[in-house]
Amino acid sequence: MSIDNFFPANLSKRERACFEVGIKLGALYHILCGIPISSNDDIIKSIEKGIQASISCQPYVKNVRIFLNKAKIIGDKKTEFAYDDISGEIINAEIDLEYESVKVKAKIKWIEDINYPLMYIEQIS
């Protein structure tokens, strides 16, 4: 059985590609939020690479790039129990997805003007 049977027959490939990339953006964002982090470059790179690899396993994903904003990671351990955690302000990510003939590039980016981690489609071809 094809999973396409679960979607309306009149759903376009373009609409399906946008749906698929939205699922991936939401997963990426919610997986990252709350992960303990420090200002140590090795830890930051490890988290970026690990989540990139994880999201890359999902259907139709061609490429994932995560850039955690190091400038917003304080890394000040005032006590042995203190640590930073990843929030929307820290996450910058890009996903390239291809569903059949439709290619979508989507992003998560903190937008200062609206004080929000915006998920958006940058390009469809």
Protein backbone atom coordinates (compact mmCIF):
# COMPACT_ATOMS: atom_id res chain seq x y z
CA MET A 1 0.00 0.00 0.00
CA SER A 2 1.25 3.48 -0.86
CA ILE A 3 1.15 6.16 1.83
CA ASP A 4 -0.17 8.46 -0.90
CA ASN A 5 -3.56 6.81 -0.27
CA PHE A 6 -3.71 8.70 3.03
CA PHE A 7 -3.58 12.10 1.32
CA PRO A 8 -6.36 13.69 -0.74
CA ALA A 9 -6.17 12.92 -4.46
CA ASN A 10 -6.27 16.63 -5.28
CA LEU A 11 -3.22 17.45 -3.10
CA SER A 12 -0.52 18.75 -5.42
CA LYS A 13 3.11 17.62 -5.32
CA ARG A 14 4.02 21.17 -4.30
CA GLU A 15 1.57 21.11 -1.38
CA ARG A 16 2.82 17.69 -0.30
CA ALA A 17 6.44 18.87 -0.42
CA CYS A 18 5.53 21.87 1.77
CA PHE A 19 3.73 19.59 4.22
CA GLU A 20 6.74 17.27 4.39
CA VAL A 21 9.24 20.05 5.02
CA GLY A 22 6.99 21.51 7.72
CA ILE A 23 7.04 18.19 9.56
CA LYS A 24 10.83 18.14 9.41
CA LEU A 25 11.20 21.75 10.61
CA GLY A 26 8.89 21.10 13.56
CA ALA A 27 10.74 17.93 14.51
CA LEU A 28 14.14 19.63 14.29
CA TYR A 29 13.02 22.58 16.39
CA HIS A 30 11.35 20.54 19.12
CA ILE A 31 14.17 18.00 19.29
CA LEU A 32 16.70 20.80 19.87
CA CYS A 33 14.75 22.93 22.37
CA GLY A 34 15.75 22.15 25.91
CA ILE A 35 18.95 20.22 25.17
CA PRO A 36 21.62 21.17 27.73
CA ILE A 37 24.52 22.99 26.08
CA SER A 38 27.71 24.81 26.93
CA SER A 39 29.83 27.33 25.08
CA ASN A 40 32.38 24.57 24.33
CA ASP A 41 32.84 24.40 20.53
CA ASP A 42 33.18 20.60 20.55
CA ILE A 43 29.86 20.20 22.35
CA ILE A 44 28.12 22.66 20.00
CA LYS A 45 29.49 20.93 16.89
CA SER A 46 28.55 17.51 18.28
CA ILE A 47 24.94 18.57 18.83
CA GLU A 48 24.73 20.21 15.39
CA LYS A 49 26.12 17.14 13.64
CA GLY A 50 24.05 14.65 15.64
CA ILE A 51 20.72 16.37 14.99
CA GLN A 52 21.64 16.96 11.33
CA ALA A 53 22.28 13.22 10.97
CA SER A 54 19.03 12.36 12.72
CA ILE A 55 16.82 14.65 10.61
CA SER A 56 18.62 13.45 7.46
CA CYS A 57 17.13 10.00 8.09
CA GLN A 58 13.59 11.26 7.49
CA PRO A 59 11.89 10.71 4.12
CA TYR A 60 12.65 13.11 1.26
CA VAL A 61 15.36 15.04 3.15
CA LYS A 62 18.38 15.80 0.96
CA ASN A 63 20.42 18.03 3.26
CA VAL A 64 20.24 19.52 6.77
CA ARG A 65 22.40 22.29 8.17
CA ILE A 66 22.21 23.47 11.76
CA PHE A 67 24.04 26.52 13.04
CA LEU A 68 23.63 27.14 16.76
CA ASN A 69 24.22 30.81 17.57
CA LYS A 70 27.29 30.66 19.80
CA ALA A 71 26.98 34.34 20.73
CA LYS A 72 23.74 33.56 22.58
CA ILE A 73 25.15 30.65 24.56
CA ILE A 74 26.31 32.19 27.82
CA GLY A 75 28.23 29.23 29.20
CA ASP A 76 28.55 30.82 32.64
CA LYS A 77 28.43 28.08 35.29
CA LYS A 78 27.75 30.09 38.42
CA THR A 79 27.19 26.81 40.29
CA GLU A 80 27.98 23.21 39.51
CA PHE A 81 24.29 22.72 38.65
CA ALA A 82 24.01 25.64 36.21
CA TYR A 83 23.90 25.06 32.46
CA ASP A 84 22.44 26.66 29.35
CA ASP A 85 19.84 24.98 27.23
CA ILE A 86 18.96 25.44 23.60
CA SER A 87 16.09 27.82 22.90
CA GLY A 88 14.58 29.24 19.73
CA GLU A 89 16.94 32.22 19.91
CA ILE A 90 19.92 29.90 19.38
CA ILE A 91 18.58 27.79 16.49
CA ASN A 92 19.36 28.56 12.85
CA ALA A 93 18.70 25.67 10.50
CA GLU A 94 18.12 24.87 6.85
CA ILE A 95 16.50 21.81 5.29
CA ASP A 96 16.61 20.84 1.62
CA LEU A 97 13.86 18.41 0.72
CA GLU A 98 12.78 16.79 -2.53
CA TYR A 99 9.38 15.20 -2.96
CA GLU A 100 9.10 13.69 -6.44
CA SER A 101 10.04 16.60 -8.73
CA VAL A 102 9.51 19.39 -6.18
CA LYS A 103 12.49 20.81 -4.30
CA VAL A 104 11.99 22.91 -1.19
CA LYS A 105 14.49 24.87 0.90
CA ALA A 106 13.12 25.82 4.32
CA LYS A 107 14.63 27.51 7.35
CA ILE A 108 14.29 28.17 11.03
CA LYS A 109 15.72 31.52 11.99
CA TRP A 110 15.37 33.79 15.02
CA ILE A 111 13.85 37.05 13.83
CA GLU A 112 14.66 39.87 16.26
CA ASP A 113 11.93 42.20 14.95
CA ILE A 114 9.20 39.77 15.96
CA ASN A 115 11.09 38.06 18.79
CA TYR A 116 10.29 34.65 17.32
CA PRO A 117 11.99 31.56 15.82
CA LEU A 118 10.31 31.72 12.40
CA MET A 119 9.95 28.56 10.31
CA TYR A 120 9.55 29.46 6.65
CA ILE A 121 9.97 28.28 3.09
CA GLU A 122 12.77 30.14 1.36
CA GLN A 123 12.51 28.56 -2.06
CA ILE A 124 10.41 26.09 -4.07
CA SER A 125 11.37 24.77 -7.51
